[in-house]
Each structure stands twice: as structure tokens, then as C-alpha cells.
């Protein structure tokens, strides 16, 4: 995978999330930059850059605790 250095561009960040956690889309990350609901990022000019640590933290915060039923309340 390209972008395996310290920082990942949005396209490769989305691929990383999909391969690692089973979810994540380039458009989701793009919207999250505007709404502030996404992983922490840095910029190099106009280019948004993510670290794997930031992507991991964000993805894990989106995953709920284990459940046995869809009727269970989320915490």
C-alpha cells in the first residue's frame, strides 16, 4: 500500500481503516474534517494527513462494547 510512511493521505487512511477495522471511507473522512467528528489530522498545504495512531484512536472510539441483542442500551 502506498502511503505507508509516518503520515497517510486521505485515500490511504480510508484503505487502512477498511482493512484494519472493516469500515471507513474516503468521503467520510473528508466530511469529518469539516464537521470535526473525525480523527485528528495535520495539514501540509492543502493536503490532509493522518497518523495511524490517530486513525486507530478514532476507529476504536466508534466501536461499541460487545452486545448480545440489538435491544440492549448503548453506554
PDB file of N, CA and C in Angstrom:
ATOM      1  N   UNK A   1       0.844  -1.178   0.000  1.00  0.00           N
ATOM      2  CA  UNK A   1       0.000   0.000   0.000  1.00  0.00           C
ATOM      3  C   UNK A   1       0.881   1.230   0.000  1.00  0.00           C
ATOM      4  N   UNK A   2       0.609   2.152  -0.895  1.00  0.00           N
ATOM      5  CA  UNK A   2       1.343   3.417  -0.874  1.00  0.00           C
ATOM      6  C   UNK A   2       0.945   4.182   0.375  1.00  0.00           C
ATOM      7  N   UNK A   3       1.753   5.156   0.733  1.00  0.00           N
ATOM      8  CA  UNK A   3       1.420   5.975   1.892  1.00  0.00           C
ATOM      9  C   UNK A   3       1.694   5.263   3.201  1.00  0.00           C
ATOM     10  N   UNK A   4       2.677   4.364   3.234  1.00  0.00           N
ATOM     11  CA  UNK A   4       2.954   3.624   4.461  1.00  0.00           C
ATOM     12  C   UNK A   4       3.992   4.307   5.333  1.00  0.00           C
ATOM     13  N   UNK A   5       4.319   5.569   5.046  1.00  0.00           N
ATOM     14  CA  UNK A   5       5.258   6.315   5.870  1.00  0.00           C
ATOM     15  C   UNK A   5       4.597   6.761   7.158  1.00  0.00           C
ATOM     16  N   UNK A   6       5.121   7.808   7.753  1.00  0.00           N
ATOM     17  CA  UNK A   6       4.596   8.320   9.005  1.00  0.00           C
ATOM     18  C   UNK A   6       3.174   8.833   8.853  1.00  0.00           C
ATOM     19  N   UNK A   7       2.877   9.475   7.742  1.00  0.00           N
ATOM     20  CA  UNK A   7       1.555  10.048   7.513  1.00  0.00           C
ATOM     21  C   UNK A   7       0.857   9.357   6.345  1.00  0.00           C
ATOM     22  N   UNK A   8      -0.460   9.302   6.431  1.00  0.00           N
ATOM     23  CA  UNK A   8      -1.273   8.744   5.356  1.00  0.00           C
ATOM     24  C   UNK A   8      -2.170   9.832   4.792  1.00  0.00           C
ATOM     25  N   UNK A   9      -2.234   9.923   3.480  1.00  0.00           N
ATOM     26  CA  UNK A   9      -3.193  10.813   2.842  1.00  0.00           C
ATOM     27  C   UNK A   9      -4.571  10.181   2.975  1.00  0.00           C
ATOM     28  N   UNK A  10      -5.604  10.961   2.718  1.00  0.00           N
ATOM     29  CA  UNK A  10      -6.984  10.532   2.964  1.00  0.00           C
ATOM     30  C   UNK A  10      -7.320   9.191   2.289  1.00  0.00           C
ATOM     31  N   UNK A  11      -6.946   9.029   1.049  1.00  0.00           N
ATOM     32  CA  UNK A  11      -7.258   7.797   0.315  1.00  0.00           C
ATOM     33  C   UNK A  11      -6.677   6.579   1.020  1.00  0.00           C
ATOM     34  N   UNK A  12      -5.423   6.676   1.430  1.00  0.00           N
ATOM     35  CA  UNK A  12      -4.759   5.554   2.074  1.00  0.00           C
ATOM     36  C   UNK A  12      -5.204   5.393   3.525  1.00  0.00           C
ATOM     37  N   UNK A  13      -5.598   6.481   4.154  1.00  0.00           N
ATOM     38  CA  UNK A  13      -6.160   6.392   5.506  1.00  0.00           C
ATOM     39  C   UNK A  13      -7.464   5.604   5.472  1.00  0.00           C
ATOM     40  N   UNK A  14      -8.298   5.866   4.477  1.00  0.00           N
ATOM     41  CA  UNK A  14      -9.563   5.130   4.330  1.00  0.00           C
ATOM     42  C   UNK A  14      -9.291   3.649   4.058  1.00  0.00           C
ATOM     43  N   UNK A  15      -8.317   3.352   3.229  1.00  0.00           N
ATOM     44  CA  UNK A  15      -7.962   1.953   2.954  1.00  0.00           C
ATOM     45  C   UNK A  15      -7.466   1.263   4.222  1.00  0.00           C
ATOM     46  N   UNK A  16      -6.653   1.965   4.982  1.00  0.00           N
ATOM     47  CA  UNK A  16      -6.141   1.417   6.243  1.00  0.00           C
ATOM     48  C   UNK A  16      -7.294   1.098   7.192  1.00  0.00           C
ATOM     49  N   UNK A  17      -8.226   2.031   7.348  1.00  0.00           N
ATOM     50  CA  UNK A  17      -9.364   1.803   8.232  1.00  0.00           C
ATOM     51  C   UNK A  17     -10.198   0.610   7.760  1.00  0.00           C
ATOM     52  N   UNK A  18     -10.447   0.529   6.479  1.00  0.00           N
ATOM     53  CA  UNK A  18     -11.245  -0.565   5.934  1.00  0.00           C
ATOM     54  C   UNK A  18     -10.558  -1.912   6.151  1.00  0.00           C
ATOM     55  N   UNK A  19      -9.271  -1.984   5.913  1.00  0.00           N
ATOM     56  CA  UNK A  19      -8.531  -3.241   6.081  1.00  0.00           C
ATOM     57  C   UNK A  19      -8.389  -3.627   7.551  1.00  0.00           C
ATOM     58  N   UNK A  20      -8.243  -2.636   8.412  1.00  0.00           N
ATOM     59  CA  UNK A  20      -7.983  -2.909   9.821  1.00  0.00           C
ATOM     60  C   UNK A  20      -9.257  -3.112  10.627  1.00  0.00           C
ATOM     61  N   UNK A  21     -10.287  -2.283  10.369  1.00  0.00           N
ATOM     62  CA  UNK A  21     -11.495  -2.285  11.194  1.00  0.00           C
ATOM     63  C   UNK A  21     -12.763  -2.666  10.439  1.00  0.00           C
ATOM     64  N   UNK A  22     -12.692  -2.754   9.132  1.00  0.00           N
ATOM     65  CA  UNK A  22     -13.862  -3.136   8.361  1.00  0.00           C
ATOM     66  C   UNK A  22     -14.793  -1.993   8.029  1.00  0.00           C
ATOM     67  N   UNK A  23     -14.406  -0.775   8.362  1.00  0.00           N
ATOM     68  CA  UNK A  23     -15.196   0.397   7.995  1.00  0.00           C
ATOM     69  C   UNK A  23     -14.271   1.575   7.769  1.00  0.00           C
ATOM     70  N   UNK A  24     -14.785   2.554   7.088  1.00  0.00           N
ATOM     71  CA  UNK A  24     -14.016   3.762   6.802  1.00  0.00           C
ATOM     72  C   UNK A  24     -14.088   4.054   5.321  1.00  0.00           C
ATOM     73  N   UNK A  25     -14.380   5.278   4.995  1.00  0.00           N
ATOM     74  CA  UNK A  25     -14.493   5.683   3.601  1.00  0.00           C
ATOM     75  C   UNK A  25     -13.825   7.043   3.420  1.00  0.00           C
ATOM     76  N   UNK A  26     -13.284   7.229   2.251  1.00  0.00           N
ATOM     77  CA  UNK A  26     -12.613   8.492   1.945  1.00  0.00           C
ATOM     78  C   UNK A  26     -13.569   9.667   2.116  1.00  0.00           C
ATOM     79  N   UNK A  27     -14.801   9.516   1.671  1.00  0.00           N
ATOM     80  CA  UNK A  27     -15.784  10.607   1.793  1.00  0.00           C
ATOM     81  C   UNK A  27     -16.151  10.879   3.248  1.00  0.00           C
ATOM     82  N   UNK A  28     -16.185   9.837   4.060  1.00  0.00           N
ATOM     83  CA  UNK A  28     -16.459  10.012   5.491  1.00  0.00           C
ATOM     84  C   UNK A  28     -15.368  10.852   6.135  1.00  0.00           C
ATOM     85  N   UNK A  29     -14.122  10.551   5.802  1.00  0.00           N
ATOM     86  CA  UNK A  29     -13.004  11.318   6.351  1.00  0.00           C
ATOM     87  C   UNK A  29     -13.035  12.761   5.862  1.00  0.00           C
ATOM     88  N   UNK A  30     -13.402  12.960   4.596  1.00  0.00           N
ATOM     89  CA  UNK A  30     -13.476  14.320   4.048  1.00  0.00           C
ATOM     90  C   UNK A  30     -14.533  15.138   4.771  1.00  0.00           C
ATOM     91  N   UNK A  31     -15.690  14.531   4.999  1.00  0.00           N
ATOM     92  CA  UNK A  31     -16.755  15.252   5.702  1.00  0.00           C
ATOM     93  C   UNK A  31     -16.367  15.523   7.152  1.00  0.00           C
ATOM     94  N   UNK A  32     -15.693  14.558   7.773  1.00  0.00           N
ATOM     95  CA  UNK A  32     -15.299  14.692   9.170  1.00  0.00           C
ATOM     96  C   UNK A  32     -14.339  15.858   9.387  1.00  0.00           C
ATOM     97  N   UNK A  33     -13.537  16.187   8.390  1.00  0.00           N
ATOM     98  CA  UNK A  33     -12.643  17.349   8.502  1.00  0.00           C
ATOM     99  C   UNK A  33     -13.469  18.624   8.658  1.00  0.00           C
ATOM    100  N   UNK A  34     -14.595  18.679   7.969  1.00  0.00           N
ATOM    101  CA  UNK A  34     -15.466  19.860   8.018  1.00  0.00           C
ATOM    102  C   UNK A  34     -16.266  19.898   9.318  1.00  0.00           C
ATOM    103  N   UNK A  35     -16.811  18.743   9.739  1.00  0.00           N
ATOM    104  CA  UNK A  35     -17.688  18.699  10.910  1.00  0.00           C
ATOM    105  C   UNK A  35     -16.937  18.560  12.229  1.00  0.00           C
ATOM    106  N   UNK A  36     -15.684  18.124  12.167  1.00  0.00           N
ATOM    107  CA  UNK A  36     -14.900  17.939  13.385  1.00  0.00           C
ATOM    108  C   UNK A  36     -15.168  16.620  14.090  1.00  0.00           C
ATOM    109  N   UNK A  37     -15.828  15.684  13.411  1.00  0.00           N
ATOM    110  CA  UNK A  37     -16.168  14.397  14.025  1.00  0.00           C
ATOM    111  C   UNK A  37     -15.199  13.284  13.666  1.00  0.00           C
ATOM    112  N   UNK A  38     -14.115  13.590  13.037  1.00  0.00           N
ATOM    113  CA  UNK A  38     -13.200  12.558  12.564  1.00  0.00           C
ATOM    114  C   UNK A  38     -11.938  12.471  13.380  1.00  0.00           C
ATOM    115  N   UNK A  39     -11.004  11.704  12.880  1.00  0.00           N
ATOM    116  CA  UNK A  39      -9.712  11.572  13.563  1.00  0.00           C
ATOM    117  C   UNK A  39      -8.912  12.868  13.482  1.00  0.00           C
ATOM    118  N   UNK A  40      -8.008  13.035  14.417  1.00  0.00           N
ATOM    119  CA  UNK A  40      -7.116  14.197  14.365  1.00  0.00           C
ATOM    120  C   UNK A  40      -6.279  14.106  13.106  1.00  0.00           C
ATOM    121  N   UNK A  41      -5.957  15.253  12.559  1.00  0.00           N
ATOM    122  CA  UNK A  41      -5.169  15.291  11.330  1.00  0.00           C
ATOM    123  C   UNK A  41      -4.239  16.493  11.353  1.00  0.00           C
ATOM    124  N   UNK A  42      -3.312  16.475  10.433  1.00  0.00           N
ATOM    125  CA  UNK A  42      -2.413  17.602  10.220  1.00  0.00           C
ATOM    126  C   UNK A  42      -2.499  17.962   8.753  1.00  0.00           C
ATOM    127  N   UNK A  43      -2.011  19.129   8.399  1.00  0.00           N
ATOM    128  CA  UNK A  43      -2.054  19.544   7.010  1.00  0.00           C
ATOM    129  C   UNK A  43      -0.661  19.902   6.515  1.00  0.00           C
ATOM    130  N   UNK A  44      -0.437  19.598   5.256  1.00  0.00           N
ATOM    131  CA  UNK A  44       0.762  20.031   4.535  1.00  0.00           C
ATOM    132  C   UNK A  44       0.217  20.818   3.344  1.00  0.00           C
ATOM    133  N   UNK A  45       0.126  22.111   3.508  1.00  0.00           N
ATOM    134  CA  UNK A  45      -0.537  22.924   2.490  1.00  0.00           C
ATOM    135  C   UNK A  45      -2.012  22.596   2.501  1.00  0.00           C
ATOM    136  N   UNK A  46      -2.536  22.134   1.361  1.00  0.00           N
ATOM    137  CA  UNK A  46      -3.949  21.764   1.267  1.00  0.00           C
ATOM    138  C   UNK A  46      -4.190  20.291   1.563  1.00  0.00           C
ATOM    139  N   UNK A  47      -3.142  19.538   1.744  1.00  0.00           N
ATOM    140  CA  UNK A  47      -3.254  18.087   1.895  1.00  0.00           C
ATOM    141  C   UNK A  47      -3.458  17.707   3.362  1.00  0.00           C
ATOM    142  N   UNK A  48      -4.519  16.940   3.611  1.00  0.00           N
ATOM    143  CA  UNK A  48      -4.810  16.442   4.951  1.00  0.00           C
ATOM    144  C   UNK A  48      -4.035  15.150   5.160  1.00  0.00           C
ATOM    145  N   UNK A  49      -3.367  15.050   6.311  1.00  0.00           N
ATOM    146  CA  UNK A  49      -2.538  13.892   6.634  1.00  0.00           C
ATOM    147  C   UNK A  49      -2.949  13.309   7.986  1.00  0.00           C
ATOM    148  N   UNK A  50      -2.991  11.992   8.050  1.00  0.00           N
ATOM    149  CA  UNK A  50      -3.375  11.285   9.274  1.00  0.00           C
ATOM    150  C   UNK A  50      -2.230  10.383   9.725  1.00  0.00           C
ATOM    151  N   UNK A  51      -2.123  10.178  11.026  1.00  0.00           N
ATOM    152  CA  UNK A  51      -1.218   9.156  11.557  1.00  0.00           C
ATOM    153  C   UNK A  51      -2.043   7.903  11.835  1.00  0.00           C
ATOM    154  N   UNK A  52      -1.400   6.770  11.833  1.00  0.00           N
ATOM    155  CA  UNK A  52      -2.110   5.533  12.156  1.00  0.00           C
ATOM    156  C   UNK A  52      -2.652   5.585  13.584  1.00  0.00           C
ATOM    157  N   UNK A  53      -1.898   6.176  14.503  1.00  0.00           N
ATOM    158  CA  UNK A  53      -2.365   6.290  15.893  1.00  0.00           C
ATOM    159  C   UNK A  53      -3.676   7.067  15.967  1.00  0.00           C
ATOM    160  N   UNK A  54      -3.767   8.177  15.230  1.00  0.00           N
ATOM    161  CA  UNK A  54      -4.990   8.975  15.233  1.00  0.00           C
ATOM    162  C   UNK A  54      -6.150   8.194  14.626  1.00  0.00           C
ATOM    163  N   UNK A  55      -5.885   7.469  13.540  1.00  0.00           N
ATOM    164  CA  UNK A  55      -6.923   6.659  12.902  1.00  0.00           C
ATOM    165  C   UNK A  55      -7.382   5.542  13.829  1.00  0.00           C
ATOM    166  N   UNK A  56      -6.434   4.882  14.497  1.00  0.00           N
ATOM    167  CA  UNK A  56      -6.779   3.806  15.428  1.00  0.00           C
ATOM    168  C   UNK A  56      -7.629   4.331  16.580  1.00  0.00           C
ATOM    169  N   UNK A  57      -7.230   5.440  17.176  1.00  0.00           N
ATOM    170  CA  UNK A  57      -7.979   6.016  18.299  1.00  0.00           C
ATOM    171  C   UNK A  57      -9.402   6.363  17.887  1.00  0.00           C
ATOM    172  N   UNK A  58      -9.543   6.984  16.722  1.00  0.00           N
ATOM    173  CA  UNK A  58     -10.864   7.375  16.243  1.00  0.00           C
ATOM    174  C   UNK A  58     -11.724   6.148  15.959  1.00  0.00           C
ATOM    175  N   UNK A  59     -11.171   5.169  15.266  1.00  0.00           N
ATOM    176  CA  UNK A  59     -11.938   3.970  14.920  1.00  0.00           C
ATOM    177  C   UNK A  59     -12.387   3.221  16.167  1.00  0.00           C
ATOM    178  N   UNK A  60     -11.489   3.063  17.126  1.00  0.00           N
ATOM    179  CA  UNK A  60     -11.841   2.352  18.351  1.00  0.00           C
ATOM    180  C   UNK A  60     -12.903   3.098  19.151  1.00  0.00           C
ATOM    181  N   UNK A  61     -12.914   4.427  19.067  1.00  0.00           N
ATOM    182  CA  UNK A  61     -13.942   5.201  19.782  1.00  0.00           C
ATOM    183  C   UNK A  61     -15.315   5.027  19.147  1.00  0.00           C
ATOM    184  N   UNK A  62     -15.363   4.582  17.896  1.00  0.00           N
ATOM    185  CA  UNK A  62     -16.634   4.375  17.192  1.00  0.00           C
ATOM    186  C   UNK A  62     -17.217   2.985  17.430  1.00  0.00           C
ATOM    187  N   UNK A  63     -16.422   2.065  17.939  1.00  0.00           N
ATOM    188  CA  UNK A  63     -16.856   0.683  18.121  1.00  0.00           C
ATOM    189  C   UNK A  63     -17.464   0.527  19.507  1.00  0.00           C
ATOM    190  N   UNK A  64     -18.671  -0.028  19.564  1.00  0.00           N
ATOM    191  CA  UNK A  64     -19.371  -0.187  20.840  1.00  0.00           C
ATOM    192  C   UNK A  64     -18.824  -1.384  21.617  1.00  0.00           C
ATOM    193  N   UNK A  65     -19.263  -1.475  22.845  1.00  0.00           N
ATOM    194  CA  UNK A  65     -18.954  -2.640  23.663  1.00  0.00           C
ATOM    195  C   UNK A  65     -19.710  -3.840  23.097  1.00  0.00           C
ATOM    196  N   UNK A  66     -19.264  -5.059  23.394  1.00  0.00           N
ATOM    197  CA  UNK A  66     -19.969  -6.238  22.897  1.00  0.00           C
ATOM    198  C   UNK A  66     -21.416  -6.280  23.394  1.00  0.00           C
ATOM    199  N   UNK A  67     -22.305  -6.781  22.537  1.00  0.00           N
ATOM    200  CA  UNK A  67     -23.734  -6.899  22.882  1.00  0.00           C
ATOM    201  C   UNK A  67     -24.215  -8.281  22.516  1.00  0.00           C
ATOM    202  N   UNK A  68     -25.297  -8.690  23.151  1.00  0.00           N
ATOM    203  CA  UNK A  68     -25.929  -9.965  22.835  1.00  0.00           C
ATOM    204  C   UNK A  68     -27.230  -9.756  22.077  1.00  0.00           C
ATOM    205  N   UNK A  69     -27.777  -8.548  22.138  1.00  0.00           N
ATOM    206  CA  UNK A  69     -29.054  -8.270  21.498  1.00  0.00           C
ATOM    207  C   UNK A  69     -29.069  -6.840  20.984  1.00  0.00           C
ATOM    208  N   UNK A  70     -29.788  -6.616  19.901  1.00  0.00           N
ATOM    209  CA  UNK A  70     -29.894  -5.242  19.369  1.00  0.00           C
ATOM    210  C   UNK A  70     -30.757  -4.369  20.257  1.00  0.00           C
ATOM    211  N   UNK A  71     -31.486  -4.967  21.194  1.00  0.00           N
ATOM    212  CA  UNK A  71     -32.328  -4.181  22.095  1.00  0.00           C
ATOM    213  C   UNK A  71     -31.576  -3.661  23.309  1.00  0.00           C
ATOM    214  N   UNK A  72     -30.338  -4.092  23.500  1.00  0.00           N
ATOM    215  CA  UNK A  72     -29.535  -3.601  24.627  1.00  0.00           C
ATOM    216  C   UNK A  72     -29.236  -2.122  24.446  1.00  0.00           C
ATOM    217  N   UNK A  73     -29.248  -1.393  25.540  1.00  0.00           N
ATOM    218  CA  UNK A  73     -28.938   0.030  25.524  1.00  0.00           C
ATOM    219  C   UNK A  73     -27.441   0.230  25.342  1.00  0.00           C
ATOM    220  N   UNK A  74     -27.077   1.228  24.537  1.00  0.00           N
ATOM    221  CA  UNK A  74     -25.656   1.562  24.415  1.00  0.00           C
ATOM    222  C   UNK A  74     -25.253   2.418  25.597  1.00  0.00           C
ATOM    223  N   UNK A  75     -23.989   2.324  25.951  1.00  0.00           N
ATOM    224  CA  UNK A  75     -23.495   3.071  27.120  1.00  0.00           C
ATOM    225  C   UNK A  75     -22.876   4.367  26.702  1.00  0.00           C
TER     226      UNK A  75
END
